Amino acid sequence: MKKTIAILLVLVIGMVGVWAATADLNLTTKVYEFNEMKITETPTPATWTAFPSNPLANTNPVATTYTTNANRKSVDPYITTSQNVGYLQTRTNIRRGYTVSITATQLSSTEGATGSEITQVINYAIYNDTSLIYTTADTAPAAATFLSVSNGTGMRATTSPINVILSSTGDELSAGTYNGDITFTYTAN
């Protein structure tokens, strides 16, 4: 009987090794890039795109860049100093940072009958916090860097004022409605 019990114990102990197994559970996740910019009228933090509740269900894993126009901003032609025309707000979660470049067109006004139109332009300088970034001219200058954000981690947001100074003001100008555009281009580094 002792031999039988001993044989059974050996078999049971031996079987434990045969029936033992391991299992691995491999985890994965993906954090999608958020690259966004908006033009706002105030420096109040912008309302951004919400993170998807299920990031794995996100069907658009590419960078998202969009601009909300703060409508055409009126510039006072009688002010000879800097005028705030909005705020450029950006955010990203990419590690390598980004650059926002700028180009602009002259303020232009055209009047008169077809074939005999008269166009007058107003050049202006564009500043961020305190630095001159871009000045319009008859021949459009190359794009200039308005804002550059270096390497970092996590979600990072910045706000930079957009200021202009007109090169001609007041009595130097002819009557008319002048329109021009400032274009910001966001590029991930």
Protein backbone atom coordinates (compact mmCIF):
# COMPACT_ATOMS: atom_id res chain seq x y z
CA MET A 1 0.00 0.00 0.00
CA LYS A 2 2.84 2.33 0.85
CA LYS A 3 4.40 1.55 -2.50
CA THR A 4 1.14 2.32 -4.25
CA ILE A 5 0.75 5.66 -2.44
CA ALA A 6 4.38 6.53 -3.15
CA ILE A 7 3.92 5.69 -6.85
CA LEU A 8 0.75 7.78 -6.97
CA LEU A 9 2.53 10.71 -5.29
CA VAL A 10 5.38 10.50 -7.79
CA LEU A 11 2.87 10.44 -10.64
CA VAL A 12 0.91 13.42 -9.24
CA ILE A 13 4.06 15.44 -8.65
CA GLY A 14 5.33 14.54 -12.10
CA MET A 15 2.00 15.45 -13.69
CA VAL A 16 2.07 18.93 -12.16
CA GLY A 17 5.12 19.67 -14.28
CA VAL A 18 3.37 18.32 -17.37
CA TRP A 19 0.24 20.42 -16.85
CA ALA A 20 1.97 23.68 -15.89
CA ALA A 21 1.82 26.37 -18.56
CA THR A 22 2.54 30.10 -18.98
CA ALA A 23 0.66 32.74 -20.92
CA ASP A 24 1.81 36.19 -22.00
CA LEU A 25 -0.45 39.17 -22.38
CA ASN A 26 1.10 41.79 -24.65
CA LEU A 27 -0.24 45.32 -24.29
CA THR A 28 -0.15 48.12 -26.85
CA THR A 29 -1.54 51.60 -27.17
CA LYS A 30 -1.12 54.49 -29.56
CA VAL A 31 -1.07 58.15 -28.62
CA TYR A 32 -2.07 60.13 -31.68
CA GLU A 33 -0.47 63.42 -32.65
CA PHE A 34 -2.32 66.61 -31.92
CA ASN A 35 -1.01 69.58 -33.89
CA GLU A 36 -3.43 72.46 -33.78
CA MET A 37 -3.51 76.21 -34.23
CA LYS A 38 -6.20 78.84 -33.94
CA ILE A 39 -6.39 82.58 -34.37
CA THR A 40 -8.43 84.12 -31.57
CA GLU A 41 -9.41 87.63 -30.55
CA THR A 42 -8.30 87.23 -26.93
CA PRO A 43 -5.45 85.41 -25.19
CA THR A 44 -7.99 83.31 -23.28
CA PRO A 45 -7.05 79.64 -23.73
CA ALA A 46 -8.67 78.24 -26.85
CA THR A 47 -11.17 75.40 -26.88
CA TRP A 48 -9.32 72.53 -28.50
CA THR A 49 -10.31 69.26 -30.12
CA ALA A 50 -11.21 66.73 -27.46
CA PHE A 51 -9.18 63.58 -27.13
CA PRO A 52 -11.15 60.62 -28.49
CA SER A 53 -12.73 58.51 -25.73
CA ASN A 54 -11.32 55.41 -27.41
CA PRO A 55 -7.99 56.38 -28.99
CA LEU A 56 -7.68 53.01 -30.72
CA ALA A 57 -10.93 53.73 -32.56
CA ASN A 58 -9.50 56.99 -33.95
CA THR A 59 -9.67 56.57 -37.72
CA ASN A 60 -7.56 59.67 -38.36
CA PRO A 61 -4.15 59.02 -36.81
CA VAL A 62 -2.46 61.75 -38.87
CA ALA A 63 -1.68 65.20 -37.53
CA THR A 64 -4.66 67.50 -37.30
CA THR A 65 -4.04 71.14 -38.15
CA TYR A 66 -6.76 73.71 -38.47
CA THR A 67 -7.25 77.41 -38.19
CA THR A 68 -10.28 79.25 -36.96
CA ASN A 69 -10.42 82.70 -38.51
CA ALA A 70 -11.24 85.38 -35.97
CA ASN A 71 -13.03 87.22 -38.82
CA ARG A 72 -11.54 90.20 -40.59
CA LYS A 73 -10.01 92.42 -37.96
CA SER A 74 -10.29 96.17 -38.38
CA VAL A 75 -7.07 98.20 -38.15
CA ASP A 76 -7.31 101.89 -37.27
CA PRO A 77 -5.56 103.88 -40.07
CA TYR A 78 -4.91 106.81 -37.70
CA ILE A 79 -2.90 104.91 -35.10
CA THR A 80 0.85 105.12 -35.72
CA THR A 81 1.83 102.58 -33.05
CA SER A 82 1.36 98.83 -32.69
CA GLN A 83 -2.21 97.47 -32.91
CA ASN A 84 -3.20 94.01 -31.67
CA VAL A 85 -5.17 92.10 -34.31
CA GLY A 86 -5.44 88.75 -32.55
CA TYR A 87 -3.59 85.89 -30.91
CA LEU A 88 -2.04 82.82 -32.46
CA GLN A 89 -2.71 79.83 -30.20
CA THR A 90 -1.04 76.50 -30.85
CA ARG A 91 -0.75 73.15 -29.13
CA THR A 92 1.02 69.88 -29.77
CA ASN A 93 1.98 66.63 -28.12
CA ILE A 94 4.74 65.68 -30.57
CA ARG A 95 8.21 65.38 -29.08
CA ARG A 96 10.15 67.10 -31.84
CA GLY A 97 8.33 70.47 -31.71
CA TYR A 98 7.02 72.66 -34.55
CA THR A 99 7.44 75.92 -36.42
CA VAL A 100 4.80 78.40 -37.54
CA SER A 101 5.82 80.53 -40.50
CA ILE A 102 4.10 83.65 -41.76
CA THR A 103 3.43 85.44 -45.04
CA ALA A 104 1.18 88.42 -45.65
CA THR A 105 -0.30 90.52 -48.42
CA GLN A 106 -0.38 94.30 -48.50
CA LEU A 107 -3.56 96.08 -47.50
CA SER A 108 -4.98 96.97 -50.89
CA SER A 109 -7.87 99.09 -52.14
CA THR A 110 -9.00 99.26 -55.77
CA GLU A 111 -11.59 101.70 -57.09
CA GLY A 112 -12.69 102.98 -60.47
CA ALA A 113 -14.29 101.72 -63.65
CA THR A 114 -13.10 98.54 -65.33
CA GLY A 115 -9.95 99.24 -67.28
CA SER A 116 -9.15 102.40 -65.35
CA GLU A 117 -8.94 101.05 -61.80
CA ILE A 118 -6.75 102.83 -59.30
CA THR A 119 -5.14 100.68 -56.63
CA GLN A 120 -3.51 101.97 -53.50
CA VAL A 121 -1.69 99.80 -50.97
CA ILE A 122 -0.63 100.12 -47.36
CA ASN A 123 2.40 98.17 -46.20
CA TYR A 124 2.60 97.05 -42.60
CA ALA A 125 4.93 95.29 -40.18
CA ILE A 126 3.90 92.22 -38.16
CA TYR A 127 5.22 91.59 -34.66
CA ASN A 128 4.79 88.77 -32.17
CA ASP A 129 5.47 89.60 -28.48
CA THR A 130 8.07 92.29 -29.22
CA SER A 131 10.02 91.15 -32.29
CA LEU A 132 9.52 92.34 -35.85
CA ILE A 133 8.71 89.21 -37.85
CA TYR A 134 7.53 90.27 -41.32
CA THR A 135 6.99 93.41 -43.39
CA THR A 136 4.80 93.51 -46.49
CA ALA A 137 6.20 95.03 -49.70
CA ASP A 138 5.46 95.38 -53.42
CA THR A 139 7.37 92.12 -53.95
CA ALA A 140 6.21 89.66 -51.32
CA PRO A 141 9.06 88.67 -49.01
CA ALA A 142 9.77 85.00 -48.32
CA ALA A 143 8.01 83.35 -45.39
CA ALA A 144 9.43 84.14 -41.95
CA THR A 145 9.29 82.19 -38.69
CA PHE A 146 6.62 83.61 -36.40
CA LEU A 147 6.88 81.01 -33.65
CA SER A 148 9.11 78.01 -33.01
CA VAL A 149 8.61 75.42 -30.28
CA SER A 150 11.47 73.03 -29.56
CA ASN A 151 11.51 69.46 -28.31
CA GLY A 152 9.33 68.58 -25.34
CA THR A 153 7.03 66.00 -23.83
CA GLY A 154 3.31 65.85 -23.27
CA MET A 155 0.71 68.35 -24.47
CA ARG A 156 2.11 71.87 -24.75
CA ALA A 157 0.18 75.02 -25.66
CA THR A 158 1.42 78.51 -26.54
CA THR A 159 -0.23 81.86 -27.15
CA SER A 160 1.46 84.66 -29.05
CA PRO A 161 0.00 88.10 -29.83
CA ILE A 162 -0.27 89.22 -33.46
CA ASN A 163 0.46 92.95 -33.72
CA VAL A 164 0.71 95.22 -36.77
CA ILE A 165 2.08 98.70 -37.41
CA LEU A 166 0.94 100.47 -40.57
CA SER A 167 3.73 102.11 -42.59
CA SER A 168 1.37 104.85 -43.84
CA THR A 169 -1.33 106.41 -41.69
CA GLY A 170 -3.85 109.20 -41.50
CA ASP A 171 -3.59 111.99 -44.06
CA GLU A 172 -1.16 109.97 -46.23
CA LEU A 173 -4.01 107.63 -47.22
CA SER A 174 -6.78 107.87 -49.81
CA ALA A 175 -10.34 106.93 -48.95
CA GLY A 176 -11.35 103.31 -49.51
CA THR A 177 -11.65 99.89 -47.94
CA TYR A 178 -8.31 98.13 -47.75
CA ASN A 179 -8.00 94.35 -47.34
CA GLY A 180 -4.98 92.16 -46.76
CA ASP A 181 -4.31 88.70 -45.39
CA ILE A 182 -1.83 87.19 -42.96
CA THR A 183 -1.23 83.48 -43.50
CA PHE A 184 0.23 81.19 -40.82
CA THR A 185 1.66 77.80 -41.82
CA TYR A 186 2.18 75.16 -39.12
CA THR A 187 4.96 72.60 -39.77
CA ALA A 188 5.94 69.78 -37.42
CA ASN A 189 9.72 69.50 -37.01
